[in-house]
N, C-alpha and C. Protein backbone atom coordinates (compact mmCIF):
# COMPACT_ATOMS: atom_id res chain seq x y z
N MET A 1 -55.29 -15.96 82.12
CA MET A 1 -54.19 -15.29 82.81
C MET A 1 -54.47 -13.79 82.84
N GLY A 2 -54.13 -13.17 83.96
CA GLY A 2 -54.39 -11.75 84.12
C GLY A 2 -53.29 -10.89 83.51
N VAL A 3 -53.50 -9.61 83.58
CA VAL A 3 -52.50 -8.66 83.09
C VAL A 3 -51.38 -8.56 84.11
N SER A 4 -50.21 -8.16 83.64
CA SER A 4 -49.11 -8.03 84.59
C SER A 4 -48.22 -6.84 84.23
N PHE A 5 -47.55 -6.37 85.25
CA PHE A 5 -46.61 -5.28 85.08
C PHE A 5 -45.38 -5.80 84.36
N GLU A 6 -44.73 -4.94 83.61
CA GLU A 6 -43.55 -5.33 82.86
C GLU A 6 -42.36 -5.63 83.77
N SER A 7 -42.34 -4.98 84.95
CA SER A 7 -41.22 -5.15 85.88
C SER A 7 -41.62 -4.61 87.25
N PRO A 8 -40.87 -4.98 88.30
CA PRO A 8 -41.10 -4.37 89.60
C PRO A 8 -40.95 -2.85 89.55
N ARG A 9 -40.04 -2.38 88.71
CA ARG A 9 -39.83 -0.93 88.57
C ARG A 9 -41.09 -0.25 88.04
N GLU A 10 -41.71 -0.85 87.00
CA GLU A 10 -42.94 -0.28 86.46
C GLU A 10 -44.03 -0.27 87.53
N PHE A 11 -44.16 -1.36 88.28
CA PHE A 11 -45.16 -1.43 89.34
C PHE A 11 -44.95 -0.30 90.34
N ARG A 12 -43.72 -0.14 90.79
CA ARG A 12 -43.43 0.90 91.79
C ARG A 12 -43.73 2.29 91.23
N THR A 13 -43.38 2.54 89.99
CA THR A 13 -43.66 3.83 89.35
C THR A 13 -45.16 4.10 89.33
N VAL A 14 -45.93 3.10 88.93
CA VAL A 14 -47.39 3.25 88.82
C VAL A 14 -48.01 3.44 90.20
N ILE A 15 -47.61 2.64 91.17
CA ILE A 15 -48.20 2.74 92.51
C ILE A 15 -47.76 4.03 93.21
N ASP A 16 -46.54 4.48 92.95
CA ASP A 16 -46.13 5.80 93.47
C ASP A 16 -47.10 6.87 92.99
N ARG A 17 -47.49 6.78 91.74
CA ARG A 17 -48.41 7.77 91.17
C ARG A 17 -49.79 7.64 91.80
N VAL A 18 -50.23 6.43 92.11
CA VAL A 18 -51.52 6.24 92.79
C VAL A 18 -51.48 6.88 94.18
N PHE A 19 -50.42 6.60 94.93
CA PHE A 19 -50.28 7.21 96.26
C PHE A 19 -50.25 8.73 96.14
N ALA A 20 -49.56 9.25 95.13
CA ALA A 20 -49.50 10.70 94.93
C ALA A 20 -50.88 11.26 94.59
N MET A 21 -51.66 10.54 93.79
CA MET A 21 -53.03 10.97 93.47
C MET A 21 -53.84 11.14 94.75
N MET A 22 -53.74 10.14 95.65
CA MET A 22 -54.48 10.21 96.90
C MET A 22 -53.96 11.33 97.79
N ASP A 23 -52.64 11.47 97.85
CA ASP A 23 -52.00 12.49 98.67
C ASP A 23 -52.42 13.89 98.24
N GLU A 24 -52.42 14.13 96.93
CA GLU A 24 -52.65 15.48 96.39
C GLU A 24 -54.11 15.83 96.19
N ASP A 25 -54.99 14.85 96.23
CA ASP A 25 -56.41 15.12 96.01
C ASP A 25 -56.95 16.00 97.15
N PRO A 26 -57.64 17.10 96.82
CA PRO A 26 -58.10 18.03 97.86
C PRO A 26 -59.15 17.44 98.80
N GLU A 27 -59.82 16.36 98.41
CA GLU A 27 -60.79 15.72 99.31
C GLU A 27 -60.17 14.51 100.00
N MET A 28 -59.60 13.62 99.18
CA MET A 28 -59.04 12.37 99.71
C MET A 28 -57.87 12.62 100.66
N GLY A 29 -56.92 13.43 100.23
CA GLY A 29 -55.70 13.64 100.99
C GLY A 29 -55.94 14.04 102.44
N PRO A 30 -56.67 15.14 102.67
CA PRO A 30 -56.91 15.55 104.06
C PRO A 30 -57.67 14.51 104.88
N LYS A 31 -58.61 13.81 104.25
CA LYS A 31 -59.37 12.77 104.99
C LYS A 31 -58.45 11.62 105.39
N LEU A 32 -57.55 11.22 104.49
CA LEU A 32 -56.62 10.13 104.81
C LEU A 32 -55.63 10.57 105.88
N ARG A 33 -55.20 11.82 105.81
CA ARG A 33 -54.29 12.34 106.84
C ARG A 33 -54.98 12.34 108.20
N GLU A 34 -56.21 12.82 108.21
CA GLU A 34 -56.98 12.88 109.46
C GLU A 34 -57.23 11.48 110.03
N ALA A 35 -57.52 10.51 109.18
CA ALA A 35 -57.78 9.14 109.63
C ALA A 35 -56.54 8.52 110.27
N ASP A 36 -55.36 8.86 109.75
CA ASP A 36 -54.08 8.43 110.32
C ASP A 36 -54.04 6.92 110.59
N VAL A 37 -54.15 6.14 109.52
CA VAL A 37 -54.10 4.68 109.62
C VAL A 37 -52.84 4.20 108.87
N PRO A 38 -51.71 4.07 109.58
CA PRO A 38 -50.50 3.58 108.92
C PRO A 38 -50.71 2.16 108.39
N MET A 39 -50.27 1.94 107.15
CA MET A 39 -50.49 0.64 106.50
C MET A 39 -49.20 0.12 105.90
N ARG A 40 -49.10 -1.19 105.88
CA ARG A 40 -47.98 -1.87 105.23
C ARG A 40 -48.56 -2.76 104.14
N TYR A 41 -48.10 -2.54 102.92
CA TYR A 41 -48.53 -3.35 101.79
C TYR A 41 -47.35 -4.20 101.33
N GLU A 42 -47.58 -5.49 101.23
CA GLU A 42 -46.57 -6.39 100.68
C GLU A 42 -47.09 -6.91 99.35
N PHE A 43 -46.29 -6.76 98.32
CA PHE A 43 -46.63 -7.24 96.99
C PHE A 43 -45.75 -8.46 96.75
N GLU A 44 -46.32 -9.61 97.11
CA GLU A 44 -45.57 -10.85 97.25
C GLU A 44 -44.85 -11.29 95.98
N ASP A 45 -45.49 -11.18 94.84
CA ASP A 45 -44.89 -11.68 93.60
C ASP A 45 -43.71 -10.83 93.13
N LEU A 46 -43.62 -9.60 93.61
CA LEU A 46 -42.54 -8.71 93.19
C LEU A 46 -41.50 -8.48 94.28
N ASP A 47 -41.74 -9.07 95.45
CA ASP A 47 -40.85 -8.89 96.59
C ASP A 47 -40.67 -7.41 96.93
N LEU A 48 -41.79 -6.68 96.95
CA LEU A 48 -41.80 -5.25 97.28
C LEU A 48 -42.69 -5.00 98.49
N VAL A 49 -42.31 -4.01 99.27
CA VAL A 49 -43.08 -3.60 100.45
C VAL A 49 -43.20 -2.08 100.41
N ALA A 50 -44.40 -1.58 100.68
CA ALA A 50 -44.62 -0.15 100.80
C ALA A 50 -45.27 0.12 102.15
N ASN A 51 -44.72 1.05 102.89
CA ASN A 51 -45.32 1.50 104.14
C ASN A 51 -45.81 2.92 103.92
N ILE A 52 -47.04 3.19 104.33
CA ILE A 52 -47.64 4.51 104.10
C ILE A 52 -48.32 4.96 105.39
N ARG A 53 -48.20 6.25 105.65
CA ARG A 53 -48.81 6.83 106.86
C ARG A 53 -49.22 8.26 106.56
N ALA A 54 -49.93 8.86 107.51
CA ALA A 54 -50.29 10.28 107.41
C ALA A 54 -49.02 11.11 107.54
N ALA A 55 -48.97 12.21 106.81
CA ALA A 55 -47.85 13.14 106.94
C ALA A 55 -47.84 13.73 108.35
N ARG A 56 -46.67 13.97 108.84
CA ARG A 56 -46.51 14.56 110.17
C ARG A 56 -46.34 16.06 110.06
N ALA A 57 -46.45 16.73 111.19
CA ALA A 57 -46.25 18.18 111.22
C ALA A 57 -44.89 18.51 110.61
N GLY A 58 -44.88 19.49 109.72
CA GLY A 58 -43.65 19.90 109.08
C GLY A 58 -43.34 19.17 107.78
N GLU A 59 -44.07 18.07 107.51
CA GLU A 59 -43.91 17.35 106.25
C GLU A 59 -44.92 17.88 105.25
N GLY A 60 -44.53 17.97 104.02
CA GLY A 60 -45.45 18.42 102.99
C GLY A 60 -46.46 17.33 102.65
N GLY A 61 -47.57 17.75 102.09
CA GLY A 61 -48.58 16.80 101.65
C GLY A 61 -49.40 16.22 102.78
N ASN A 62 -50.17 15.21 102.42
CA ASN A 62 -51.05 14.55 103.38
C ASN A 62 -50.58 13.16 103.77
N LEU A 63 -49.84 12.52 102.86
CA LEU A 63 -49.37 11.15 103.09
C LEU A 63 -47.86 11.08 102.90
N HIS A 64 -47.29 10.10 103.56
CA HIS A 64 -45.86 9.82 103.40
C HIS A 64 -45.72 8.32 103.22
N TRP A 65 -44.93 7.90 102.20
CA TRP A 65 -44.73 6.47 101.99
C TRP A 65 -43.29 6.18 101.63
N GLU A 66 -42.89 4.97 101.99
CA GLU A 66 -41.54 4.50 101.70
C GLU A 66 -41.62 3.06 101.24
N TRP A 67 -40.75 2.71 100.31
CA TRP A 67 -40.69 1.36 99.75
C TRP A 67 -39.66 0.53 100.52
N THR A 68 -39.90 0.40 101.81
CA THR A 68 -39.01 -0.36 102.69
C THR A 68 -39.75 -0.66 103.98
N ASP A 69 -39.22 -1.64 104.71
CA ASP A 69 -39.72 -1.90 106.07
C ASP A 69 -38.91 -1.14 107.10
N ASP A 70 -37.87 -0.45 106.66
CA ASP A 70 -37.01 0.31 107.56
C ASP A 70 -37.62 1.70 107.78
N VAL A 71 -38.72 1.73 108.54
CA VAL A 71 -39.43 2.97 108.82
C VAL A 71 -39.57 3.14 110.33
N ASP A 72 -39.83 4.37 110.76
CA ASP A 72 -39.92 4.65 112.19
C ASP A 72 -41.36 4.67 112.70
N TRP A 73 -42.22 3.90 112.06
CA TRP A 73 -43.60 3.76 112.52
C TRP A 73 -44.05 2.32 112.36
N GLU A 74 -45.06 1.97 113.12
CA GLU A 74 -45.65 0.64 113.05
C GLU A 74 -46.96 0.71 112.28
N PRO A 75 -47.17 -0.20 111.36
CA PRO A 75 -48.45 -0.19 110.64
C PRO A 75 -49.59 -0.65 111.54
N ARG A 76 -50.74 -0.04 111.35
CA ARG A 76 -51.94 -0.48 112.06
C ARG A 76 -52.63 -1.59 111.27
N VAL A 77 -52.36 -1.60 109.96
CA VAL A 77 -52.95 -2.58 109.07
C VAL A 77 -51.85 -3.14 108.19
N LYS A 78 -51.89 -4.46 107.98
CA LYS A 78 -50.95 -5.11 107.06
C LYS A 78 -51.76 -5.84 106.01
N MET A 79 -51.35 -5.66 104.76
CA MET A 79 -52.01 -6.37 103.67
C MET A 79 -50.94 -6.93 102.74
N ALA A 80 -51.14 -8.17 102.34
CA ALA A 80 -50.24 -8.82 101.39
C ALA A 80 -51.09 -9.29 100.21
N MET A 81 -50.58 -9.04 99.01
CA MET A 81 -51.32 -9.40 97.80
C MET A 81 -50.35 -9.43 96.63
N SER A 82 -50.83 -9.93 95.51
CA SER A 82 -50.03 -9.90 94.29
C SER A 82 -50.17 -8.54 93.63
N SER A 83 -49.25 -8.24 92.73
CA SER A 83 -49.35 -7.00 91.98
C SER A 83 -50.60 -7.01 91.10
N GLU A 84 -51.01 -8.16 90.63
CA GLU A 84 -52.22 -8.28 89.81
C GLU A 84 -53.45 -7.89 90.64
N THR A 85 -53.53 -8.37 91.87
CA THR A 85 -54.66 -8.03 92.75
C THR A 85 -54.65 -6.53 93.05
N ALA A 86 -53.48 -5.95 93.31
CA ALA A 86 -53.39 -4.51 93.57
C ALA A 86 -53.87 -3.72 92.36
N ASN A 87 -53.47 -4.13 91.18
CA ASN A 87 -53.88 -3.46 89.95
C ASN A 87 -55.40 -3.53 89.78
N LYS A 88 -55.98 -4.69 90.02
CA LYS A 88 -57.44 -4.84 89.92
C LYS A 88 -58.13 -3.95 90.95
N TYR A 89 -57.59 -3.93 92.17
CA TYR A 89 -58.20 -3.13 93.23
C TYR A 89 -58.24 -1.66 92.84
N PHE A 90 -57.11 -1.11 92.39
CA PHE A 90 -57.07 0.32 92.08
C PHE A 90 -57.90 0.68 90.84
N GLN A 91 -58.30 -0.32 90.07
CA GLN A 91 -59.22 -0.08 88.96
C GLN A 91 -60.68 -0.26 89.40
N GLY A 92 -60.89 -0.58 90.68
CA GLY A 92 -62.24 -0.81 91.17
C GLY A 92 -62.80 -2.15 90.75
N ARG A 93 -61.92 -3.09 90.40
CA ARG A 93 -62.34 -4.39 89.89
C ARG A 93 -62.10 -5.53 90.88
N GLU A 94 -61.69 -5.18 92.09
CA GLU A 94 -61.45 -6.19 93.13
C GLU A 94 -62.11 -5.74 94.41
N ASN A 95 -63.07 -6.49 94.87
CA ASN A 95 -63.76 -6.21 96.12
C ASN A 95 -62.86 -6.68 97.26
N VAL A 96 -62.43 -5.75 98.10
CA VAL A 96 -61.46 -6.08 99.14
C VAL A 96 -62.01 -7.11 100.12
N ALA A 97 -63.23 -6.93 100.59
CA ALA A 97 -63.80 -7.88 101.55
C ALA A 97 -63.84 -9.29 100.94
N MET A 98 -64.24 -9.39 99.68
CA MET A 98 -64.29 -10.68 99.00
C MET A 98 -62.87 -11.24 98.80
N ALA A 99 -61.94 -10.37 98.43
CA ALA A 99 -60.56 -10.80 98.22
C ALA A 99 -59.93 -11.31 99.51
N ILE A 100 -60.27 -10.68 100.64
CA ILE A 100 -59.79 -11.16 101.94
C ILE A 100 -60.39 -12.52 102.24
N ALA A 101 -61.69 -12.65 102.01
CA ALA A 101 -62.37 -13.93 102.27
C ALA A 101 -61.78 -15.05 101.41
N ARG A 102 -61.41 -14.72 100.19
CA ARG A 102 -60.86 -15.73 99.26
C ARG A 102 -59.34 -15.82 99.32
N ARG A 103 -58.74 -15.09 100.24
CA ARG A 103 -57.29 -15.11 100.48
C ARG A 103 -56.46 -14.57 99.32
N ARG A 104 -57.07 -13.78 98.44
CA ARG A 104 -56.28 -13.07 97.43
C ARG A 104 -55.57 -11.90 98.08
N ILE A 105 -56.15 -11.43 99.18
CA ILE A 105 -55.50 -10.43 100.04
C ILE A 105 -55.42 -11.04 101.43
N LYS A 106 -54.20 -11.09 101.97
CA LYS A 106 -54.01 -11.56 103.34
C LYS A 106 -53.86 -10.31 104.19
N SER A 107 -54.62 -10.26 105.27
CA SER A 107 -54.63 -9.04 106.07
C SER A 107 -54.38 -9.32 107.53
N GLY A 108 -53.93 -8.29 108.22
CA GLY A 108 -53.71 -8.38 109.64
C GLY A 108 -53.82 -7.01 110.27
N GLY A 109 -53.96 -6.98 111.58
CA GLY A 109 -54.10 -5.71 112.28
C GLY A 109 -55.54 -5.23 112.25
N ASP A 110 -55.70 -3.93 112.25
CA ASP A 110 -57.01 -3.29 112.33
C ASP A 110 -57.64 -3.18 110.93
N VAL A 111 -58.06 -4.31 110.40
CA VAL A 111 -58.62 -4.36 109.05
C VAL A 111 -59.90 -3.52 108.97
N LYS A 112 -60.64 -3.45 110.07
CA LYS A 112 -61.86 -2.64 110.09
C LYS A 112 -61.54 -1.18 109.77
N ALA A 113 -60.43 -0.67 110.29
CA ALA A 113 -60.02 0.72 110.01
C ALA A 113 -59.72 0.89 108.53
N ALA A 114 -59.06 -0.10 107.93
CA ALA A 114 -58.74 -0.03 106.51
C ALA A 114 -60.01 -0.06 105.67
N LEU A 115 -60.94 -0.92 106.02
CA LEU A 115 -62.20 -1.01 105.27
C LEU A 115 -63.01 0.29 105.40
N ALA A 116 -62.88 0.96 106.54
CA ALA A 116 -63.60 2.23 106.72
C ALA A 116 -63.07 3.31 105.78
N LEU A 117 -61.84 3.16 105.29
CA LEU A 117 -61.26 4.14 104.38
C LEU A 117 -61.67 3.91 102.93
N MET A 118 -62.28 2.78 102.64
CA MET A 118 -62.66 2.44 101.27
C MET A 118 -63.49 3.54 100.60
N PRO A 119 -64.53 4.06 101.24
CA PRO A 119 -65.30 5.13 100.57
C PRO A 119 -64.47 6.38 100.30
N VAL A 120 -63.48 6.65 101.14
CA VAL A 120 -62.62 7.83 100.96
C VAL A 120 -61.75 7.67 99.72
N THR A 121 -61.22 6.46 99.52
CA THR A 121 -60.28 6.24 98.42
C THR A 121 -60.95 5.86 97.10
N LYS A 122 -62.23 5.62 97.11
CA LYS A 122 -62.93 5.19 95.90
C LYS A 122 -62.73 6.12 94.69
N PRO A 123 -62.66 7.44 94.86
CA PRO A 123 -62.45 8.31 93.70
C PRO A 123 -61.15 8.05 92.93
N VAL A 124 -60.17 7.39 93.56
CA VAL A 124 -58.91 7.14 92.87
C VAL A 124 -59.09 6.11 91.75
N PHE A 125 -60.12 5.27 91.83
CA PHE A 125 -60.31 4.22 90.83
C PHE A 125 -60.42 4.78 89.42
N ALA A 126 -61.27 5.76 89.21
CA ALA A 126 -61.47 6.34 87.88
C ALA A 126 -60.20 7.04 87.41
N ARG A 127 -59.53 7.73 88.31
CA ARG A 127 -58.29 8.43 87.93
C ARG A 127 -57.20 7.43 87.56
N TYR A 128 -57.14 6.32 88.27
CA TYR A 128 -56.17 5.28 87.97
C TYR A 128 -56.45 4.68 86.59
N ARG A 129 -57.71 4.37 86.33
CA ARG A 129 -58.07 3.82 85.01
C ARG A 129 -57.72 4.81 83.89
N GLU A 130 -57.98 6.09 84.11
CA GLU A 130 -57.62 7.12 83.11
C GLU A 130 -56.12 7.13 82.85
N MET A 131 -55.33 7.02 83.90
CA MET A 131 -53.88 6.98 83.75
C MET A 131 -53.46 5.75 82.94
N LEU A 132 -54.06 4.60 83.27
CA LEU A 132 -53.72 3.38 82.54
C LEU A 132 -54.11 3.48 81.07
N GLU A 133 -55.29 3.99 80.81
CA GLU A 133 -55.74 4.14 79.42
C GLU A 133 -54.77 4.99 78.62
N ALA A 134 -54.25 6.04 79.24
CA ALA A 134 -53.36 6.99 78.55
C ALA A 134 -51.93 6.48 78.45
N GLU A 135 -51.45 5.80 79.50
CA GLU A 135 -50.01 5.51 79.57
C GLU A 135 -49.65 4.04 79.73
N TYR A 136 -50.55 3.23 80.26
CA TYR A 136 -50.24 1.83 80.53
C TYR A 136 -51.41 0.93 80.12
N PRO A 137 -51.82 0.99 78.86
CA PRO A 137 -53.02 0.23 78.45
C PRO A 137 -52.89 -1.28 78.65
N HIS A 138 -51.67 -1.80 78.72
CA HIS A 138 -51.48 -3.25 78.94
C HIS A 138 -51.91 -3.68 80.34
N LEU A 139 -52.19 -2.73 81.23
CA LEU A 139 -52.60 -3.05 82.59
C LEU A 139 -54.10 -3.00 82.82
N LEU A 140 -54.85 -2.58 81.83
CA LEU A 140 -56.31 -2.50 81.98
C LEU A 140 -56.93 -3.89 82.12
N VAL A 141 -57.87 -3.99 83.06
CA VAL A 141 -58.64 -5.24 83.22
C VAL A 141 -60.12 -4.97 83.02
């Protein structure tokens, strides 16, 4: 059995911090904003949805995300997965292409655009693991 979050609230807190890491990173953030690939993530086991897009003119930061489907943009990419798969992915322990092939991640839309962002987001893996080691050791895989 894999590791699991203590609650949907803990998951949301942790993933908010991951999104913030990407948003605030001086290399990742601007590249993700420039790529402008709106995404919808569904975390099936927790009944949570996060929609994320590039920040618009006048908005602070590089990314904007909301934990709802009630947003004024359409995702270009949709991904559905368990919280366990998301946790493994952000630790660099889940190969997205393999997870899609094995249906651990269900995807739709412009998946090629999402896969093209993988090298941009790779630096978040080490930072995520550092955060888990310091604050959420029960989530390490």
